[in-house]
Protein backbone atom coordinates (compact mmCIF):
# COMPACT_ATOMS: atom_id res chain seq x y z
CA MET A 1 61.20 -91.06 72.40
CA ASN A 2 59.50 -90.35 69.07
CA ARG A 3 56.25 -88.45 69.31
CA ILE A 4 53.23 -90.14 67.74
CA SER A 5 49.95 -88.46 66.87
CA VAL A 6 46.76 -90.29 66.00
CA ILE A 7 44.24 -88.22 64.06
CA GLY A 8 40.94 -90.04 63.79
CA SER A 9 37.68 -91.26 65.20
CA ILE A 10 36.49 -91.53 68.78
CA ASN A 11 33.44 -93.77 69.15
CA VAL A 12 31.40 -95.56 71.72
CA ASP A 13 30.94 -99.22 70.82
CA LEU A 14 27.56 -100.84 71.47
CA VAL A 15 28.39 -104.54 71.43
CA VAL A 16 25.96 -107.45 71.17
CA GLU A 17 27.21 -111.02 71.61
CA ALA A 18 25.20 -113.82 70.01
CA GLN A 19 25.56 -117.39 68.78
CA LYS A 20 24.88 -116.29 65.20
CA ARG A 21 23.98 -113.24 63.13
CA PRO A 22 20.30 -112.72 62.29
CA ILE A 23 19.40 -112.96 58.63
CA LYS A 24 17.19 -110.36 56.96
CA GLY A 25 13.87 -110.06 58.79
CA GLU A 26 14.94 -112.38 61.61
CA THR A 27 14.91 -111.64 65.35
CA ILE A 28 17.13 -113.69 67.64
CA PHE A 29 18.13 -113.55 71.30
CA GLY A 30 21.59 -112.25 72.14
CA GLU A 31 23.73 -113.44 75.02
CA ALA A 32 25.23 -110.18 76.28
CA PHE A 33 25.33 -106.42 75.69
CA SER A 34 28.18 -104.05 76.51
CA ILE A 35 29.00 -100.38 76.07
CA VAL A 36 32.75 -99.96 75.55
CA PRO A 37 35.14 -97.30 74.19
CA GLY A 38 35.99 -97.57 70.50
CA GLY A 39 36.64 -95.76 67.23
CA LYS A 40 39.56 -96.73 65.03
CA GLY A 41 41.51 -93.62 65.97
CA ALA A 42 40.97 -94.01 69.71
CA ASN A 43 41.65 -97.75 69.52
CA GLN A 44 44.97 -97.20 67.79
CA ALA A 45 45.98 -94.47 70.23
CA VAL A 46 45.23 -96.76 73.18
CA ALA A 47 47.18 -99.60 71.54
CA ILE A 48 50.21 -97.31 71.24
CA ALA A 49 49.90 -96.03 74.81
CA ARG A 50 49.51 -99.55 76.27
CA LEU A 51 52.78 -100.44 74.54
CA GLY A 52 54.54 -97.50 76.17
CA GLY A 53 54.38 -95.03 73.28
CA GLU A 54 54.09 -91.27 73.69
CA VAL A 55 50.87 -90.55 71.82
CA LYS A 56 48.50 -87.62 71.34
CA MET A 57 44.91 -88.04 70.20
CA PHE A 58 43.40 -85.55 67.76
CA GLY A 59 39.64 -85.86 67.22
CA CYS A 60 36.16 -84.75 68.22
CA VAL A 61 33.34 -85.96 70.46
CA GLY A 62 29.77 -84.76 70.79
CA ASP A 63 27.85 -83.19 73.66
CA ASP A 64 26.05 -86.38 74.74
CA VAL A 65 26.43 -88.72 77.72
CA TYR A 66 29.22 -90.67 76.06
CA ALA A 67 31.64 -87.78 75.41
CA ASP A 68 33.22 -87.40 78.85
CA ALA A 69 33.50 -91.16 79.30
CA MET A 70 35.37 -91.57 76.01
CA ILE A 71 37.76 -88.72 76.84
CA ARG A 72 38.34 -90.06 80.35
CA ASN A 73 39.07 -93.51 78.96
CA LEU A 74 41.76 -92.15 76.65
CA LYS A 75 43.36 -90.23 79.50
CA ASP A 76 43.20 -93.23 81.85
CA ASN A 77 45.07 -95.28 79.23
CA GLY A 78 47.88 -92.76 79.00
CA VAL A 79 46.82 -90.96 75.82
CA ASN A 80 47.29 -87.17 75.70
CA ILE A 81 43.79 -85.68 75.17
CA ASP A 82 44.65 -81.95 75.14
CA ASN A 83 43.55 -81.60 71.51
CA VAL A 84 40.28 -83.56 71.66
CA LYS A 85 37.43 -81.14 70.99
CA LYS A 86 33.80 -81.27 72.12
CA ILE A 87 31.24 -80.25 69.49
CA ASP A 88 27.86 -78.82 70.50
CA ASP A 89 24.62 -80.26 69.15
CA VAL A 90 26.33 -83.32 67.66
CA SER A 91 26.41 -86.92 68.88
CA THR A 92 29.60 -88.77 69.68
CA GLY A 93 30.42 -91.37 67.04
CA VAL A 94 28.78 -94.77 67.55
CA ALA A 95 29.68 -98.27 66.33
CA VAL A 96 27.05 -101.00 66.62
CA ILE A 97 28.94 -104.32 66.76
CA THR A 98 27.65 -107.87 66.56
CA VAL A 99 30.08 -110.51 67.84
CA ALA A 100 29.12 -113.98 66.62
CA GLU A 101 30.71 -117.11 65.15
CA ASN A 102 34.23 -116.01 66.17
CA ASP A 103 34.03 -112.80 64.13
CA ASN A 104 32.33 -109.40 64.14
CA SER A 105 30.10 -107.18 61.99
CA ILE A 106 30.07 -103.40 62.49
CA ILE A 107 27.88 -100.43 61.54
CA VAL A 108 29.41 -97.00 62.25
CA VAL A 109 27.55 -93.68 62.67
CA LYS A 110 30.19 -90.95 62.35
CA GLY A 111 28.62 -88.20 64.47
CA ALA A 112 31.30 -85.79 65.74
CA ASN A 113 33.99 -87.60 63.76
CA ASP A 114 32.78 -85.68 60.70
CA CYS A 115 33.85 -82.51 62.55
CA VAL A 116 37.50 -83.52 62.29
CA ASP A 117 37.65 -81.19 59.30
CA ILE A 118 40.29 -78.88 57.86
CA GLU A 119 39.14 -76.05 60.13
CA TYR A 120 39.75 -78.29 63.14
CA VAL A 121 43.16 -79.30 61.78
CA GLU A 122 44.13 -75.65 61.37
CA SER A 123 43.17 -75.03 65.01
CA VAL A 124 45.60 -77.74 66.21
CA LYS A 125 48.16 -77.46 63.41
CA ASP A 126 51.04 -76.33 65.63
CA GLU A 127 50.59 -79.42 67.83
CA ILE A 128 50.42 -81.78 64.85
CA LEU A 129 53.67 -80.33 63.52
CA LYS A 130 55.44 -81.41 66.72
CA SER A 131 54.87 -85.05 65.69
CA ASP A 132 57.44 -87.50 64.38
CA PHE A 133 54.77 -89.98 63.21
CA VAL A 134 51.11 -89.40 62.30
CA LEU A 135 48.62 -92.27 62.03
CA MET A 136 45.21 -91.85 60.34
CA GLN A 137 42.22 -93.91 59.26
CA TYR A 138 39.11 -93.29 57.14
CA GLU A 139 36.48 -92.68 59.85
CA ILE A 140 37.10 -88.93 59.49
CA PRO A 141 36.54 -86.89 56.30
CA LEU A 142 38.82 -88.00 53.48
CA LYS A 143 39.59 -84.38 52.59
CA THR A 144 41.07 -84.07 56.07
CA VAL A 145 43.21 -87.16 55.55
CA GLU A 146 44.53 -85.82 52.24
CA TYR A 147 45.16 -82.38 53.75
CA ILE A 148 47.15 -83.85 56.65
CA VAL A 149 49.17 -86.10 54.31
CA ASP A 150 50.24 -82.98 52.41
CA LEU A 151 50.97 -81.10 55.63
CA CYS A 152 53.12 -83.88 57.02
CA HIS A 153 54.87 -84.55 53.72
CA GLU A 154 55.87 -80.90 53.49
CA ASN A 155 57.23 -80.94 57.05
CA GLY A 156 59.10 -84.23 57.09
CA ILE A 157 56.65 -86.05 59.36
CA ARG A 158 56.21 -89.77 58.67
CA VAL A 159 52.60 -90.71 57.81
CA ILE A 160 50.85 -94.05 58.18
CA ILE A 161 47.41 -94.51 56.62
CA ASN A 162 45.17 -97.34 57.76
CA PRO A 163 42.60 -97.22 54.92
CA ALA A 164 39.56 -98.45 56.83
CA PRO A 165 36.70 -98.50 56.34
CA ILE A 166 37.66 -98.57 52.69
CA ALA A 167 37.03 -95.44 50.63
CA GLU A 168 38.60 -93.76 47.62
CA ILE A 169 41.51 -91.43 48.30
CA SER A 170 43.83 -89.71 45.85
CA ALA A 171 46.72 -91.71 44.42
CA GLU A 172 48.94 -88.74 45.29
CA SER A 173 48.16 -89.19 48.99
CA ILE A 174 49.07 -92.87 48.81
CA GLU A 175 52.35 -91.94 47.12
CA LYS A 176 53.17 -89.36 49.80
CA ALA A 177 52.35 -91.65 52.73
CA ASP A 178 55.24 -93.59 54.26
CA TYR A 179 53.17 -96.70 55.01
CA VAL A 180 49.68 -97.90 54.10
CA THR A 181 48.14 -100.79 56.08
CA PRO A 182 45.00 -102.27 54.46
CA ASN A 183 43.65 -105.72 55.14
CA GLU A 184 43.38 -108.19 52.26
CA HIS A 185 39.82 -107.14 51.33
CA GLU A 186 40.66 -103.42 51.45
CA ALA A 187 43.79 -103.89 49.35
CA VAL A 188 41.83 -105.51 46.51
CA LEU A 189 39.25 -102.70 46.57
CA MET A 190 41.95 -100.02 46.68
CA PHE A 191 43.61 -101.24 43.50
CA GLU A 192 40.79 -101.95 41.10
CA GLY A 193 41.62 -104.59 38.52
CA MET A 194 44.27 -106.22 40.71
CA GLU A 195 43.27 -109.25 42.78
CA ASP A 196 46.58 -110.98 43.43
CA ILE A 197 47.97 -109.70 46.76
CA GLU A 198 51.58 -110.25 45.71
CA ASP A 199 51.07 -108.11 42.61
CA ILE A 200 49.47 -105.40 44.75
CA LEU A 201 52.35 -105.48 47.24
CA LYS A 202 54.90 -105.17 44.44
CA LYS A 203 53.22 -101.97 43.33
CA TYR A 204 54.44 -100.23 46.49
CA PRO A 205 57.71 -101.72 47.84
CA GLU A 206 58.29 -101.15 51.56
CA LYS A 207 55.17 -98.99 51.75
CA LEU A 208 52.19 -101.32 51.55
CA ILE A 209 51.69 -103.72 54.47
CA VAL A 210 48.67 -106.02 54.01
CA THR A 211 47.14 -107.92 56.92
CA LEU A 212 45.79 -111.33 55.92
CA GLY A 213 43.94 -112.58 59.00
CA GLU A 214 44.99 -116.13 59.83
CA LYS A 215 47.62 -115.95 57.05
CA GLY A 216 49.56 -113.23 58.85
CA ALA A 217 50.73 -110.02 57.18
CA SER A 218 52.90 -109.35 54.13
CA TYR A 219 54.97 -106.65 52.46
CA PHE A 220 57.36 -106.43 49.51
CA ASN A 221 60.93 -105.47 50.41
CA GLY A 222 61.93 -104.64 46.85
CA SER A 223 63.13 -108.10 45.95
CA GLU A 224 60.74 -110.57 47.56
CA VAL A 225 57.39 -110.72 49.33
CA ILE A 226 57.90 -111.25 53.06
CA ASN A 227 55.14 -112.90 55.09
CA VAL A 228 55.04 -112.52 58.86
CA PRO A 229 52.83 -115.24 60.41
CA ILE A 230 50.42 -114.83 63.30
CA ILE A 231 51.45 -116.05 66.73
CA GLU A 232 50.56 -119.62 67.62
CA GLY A 233 48.20 -120.85 70.31
CA VAL A 234 45.73 -117.97 70.19
CA ASN A 235 42.40 -118.58 71.95
CA VAL A 236 39.97 -116.36 70.03
CA VAL A 237 37.42 -114.56 72.21
CA ASP A 238 36.70 -111.34 70.27
CA THR A 239 38.37 -110.14 67.06
CA THR A 240 37.10 -106.55 67.41
CA GLY A 241 40.05 -104.17 67.37
CA ALA A 242 42.64 -106.69 66.19
CA GLY A 243 43.43 -104.63 63.08
CA ASP A 244 43.63 -101.44 65.14
CA THR A 245 46.00 -103.12 67.56
CA PHE A 246 48.20 -104.14 64.63
CA SER A 247 48.26 -100.63 63.14
CA GLY A 248 48.92 -98.92 66.46
CA ALA A 249 51.59 -101.43 67.45
CA LEU A 250 53.25 -101.21 64.04
CA VAL A 251 53.64 -97.44 64.34
CA LYS A 252 54.90 -97.71 67.93
CA PHE A 253 57.57 -100.23 67.04
CA LEU A 254 58.58 -98.33 63.89
CA ALA A 255 58.91 -95.24 66.07
CA ASP A 256 61.19 -97.28 68.35
CA GLY A 257 63.53 -97.72 65.38
CA MET A 258 62.65 -101.28 64.35
CA ASP A 259 62.81 -102.21 60.68
CA ILE A 260 59.55 -103.12 58.92
CA GLU A 261 59.80 -106.88 59.35
CA LYS A 262 60.67 -106.73 63.06
CA ALA A 263 57.94 -104.15 63.71
CA MET A 264 55.46 -106.41 61.89
CA GLU A 265 56.46 -109.38 64.03
CA PHE A 266 55.82 -107.47 67.25
CA ALA A 267 52.62 -105.94 65.84
CA GLN A 268 51.34 -109.40 64.86
CA CYS A 269 52.04 -110.61 68.38
CA ALA A 270 50.15 -107.68 69.91
CA SER A 271 47.25 -108.17 67.50
CA GLY A 272 47.07 -111.90 68.23
CA MET A 273 47.05 -111.28 71.96
CA SER A 274 44.28 -108.68 71.61
CA VAL A 275 41.72 -111.23 70.40
CA GLU A 276 42.10 -113.35 73.52
CA ARG A 277 40.06 -110.86 75.58
CA PHE A 278 36.77 -109.03 75.09
CA GLY A 279 36.49 -105.57 73.57
CA ALA A 280 38.42 -103.55 71.02
CA GLN A 281 40.56 -101.87 73.68
CA GLY A 282 40.01 -104.32 76.52
CA GLY A 283 42.24 -106.94 74.94
CA MET A 284 45.13 -104.67 73.94
CA PRO A 285 48.35 -105.89 75.56
CA THR A 286 51.12 -103.99 77.34
CA LEU A 287 54.71 -103.87 76.12
CA GLU A 288 55.73 -106.24 78.91
CA GLU A 289 53.09 -108.76 77.84
CA VAL A 290 54.14 -108.61 74.19
CA GLU A 291 57.83 -108.96 75.00
CA GLY A 292 57.05 -111.93 77.22
CA ARG A 293 55.01 -113.63 74.48
CA MET A 294 57.73 -112.97 71.89
CA LYS A 295 60.34 -114.61 74.11
CA ASN A 296 58.17 -117.71 74.51
CA LYS A 297 56.92 -118.09 70.95
């Protein structure tokens, strides 16, 4: 089995459910409040583990009441947490999420995620170098992302970048990455002056995979743009974590030896299933569930 490492954020999600989002200066009543595990890195690691992948989490938490709960949650989901570090006098990362109108809005406070720096990477470097695949996002310092891309490129480790939340990273890092998985909005912002998704995809054949919400996901195979549709019959409950489920599932199925299109099909299925239940991680399906849904699609 290929070894997958996720290097990224570990957050606690503070989730408010409401009928609508308040406008500026408005106060409204919500319908429910929940505290659930989150962070794009942790979400993607859990998605991989739920699907049966061998995955290690690399990241940092603070010294507050949430730290042990977030670490325990990763372990309970089958994620290796040996390299998760606690940082004194820093808060664990927090995401404040509003779920309304069949969508979500999120504000992230990085906290200990900013401590996933180059010094931390050097302290766990030997473990990272045991990886076959490394998955990263942008909720940790971008210098760290670029440093790890170089490290992995030099050592023949396949790198997947999920560029969210969107931020500027060096073109060299994008070139060195094996796959980059923005959503449609992020893709347009990444490539300033280019608004047509097909033109953007053609810039990076078999590297760039763009998720398009209800329109599925697309990539360019070198000769044509391939679109993989979403699964049918989805009952949307909560879209939080759908993109993380896709990214984690994509890496897991690529690590299993699937080609890009097949891995995207399974990742789309996992992502679609994830929105049918509440919570970023709460809705993430198992491998058995995904295989069952694929057989019946």
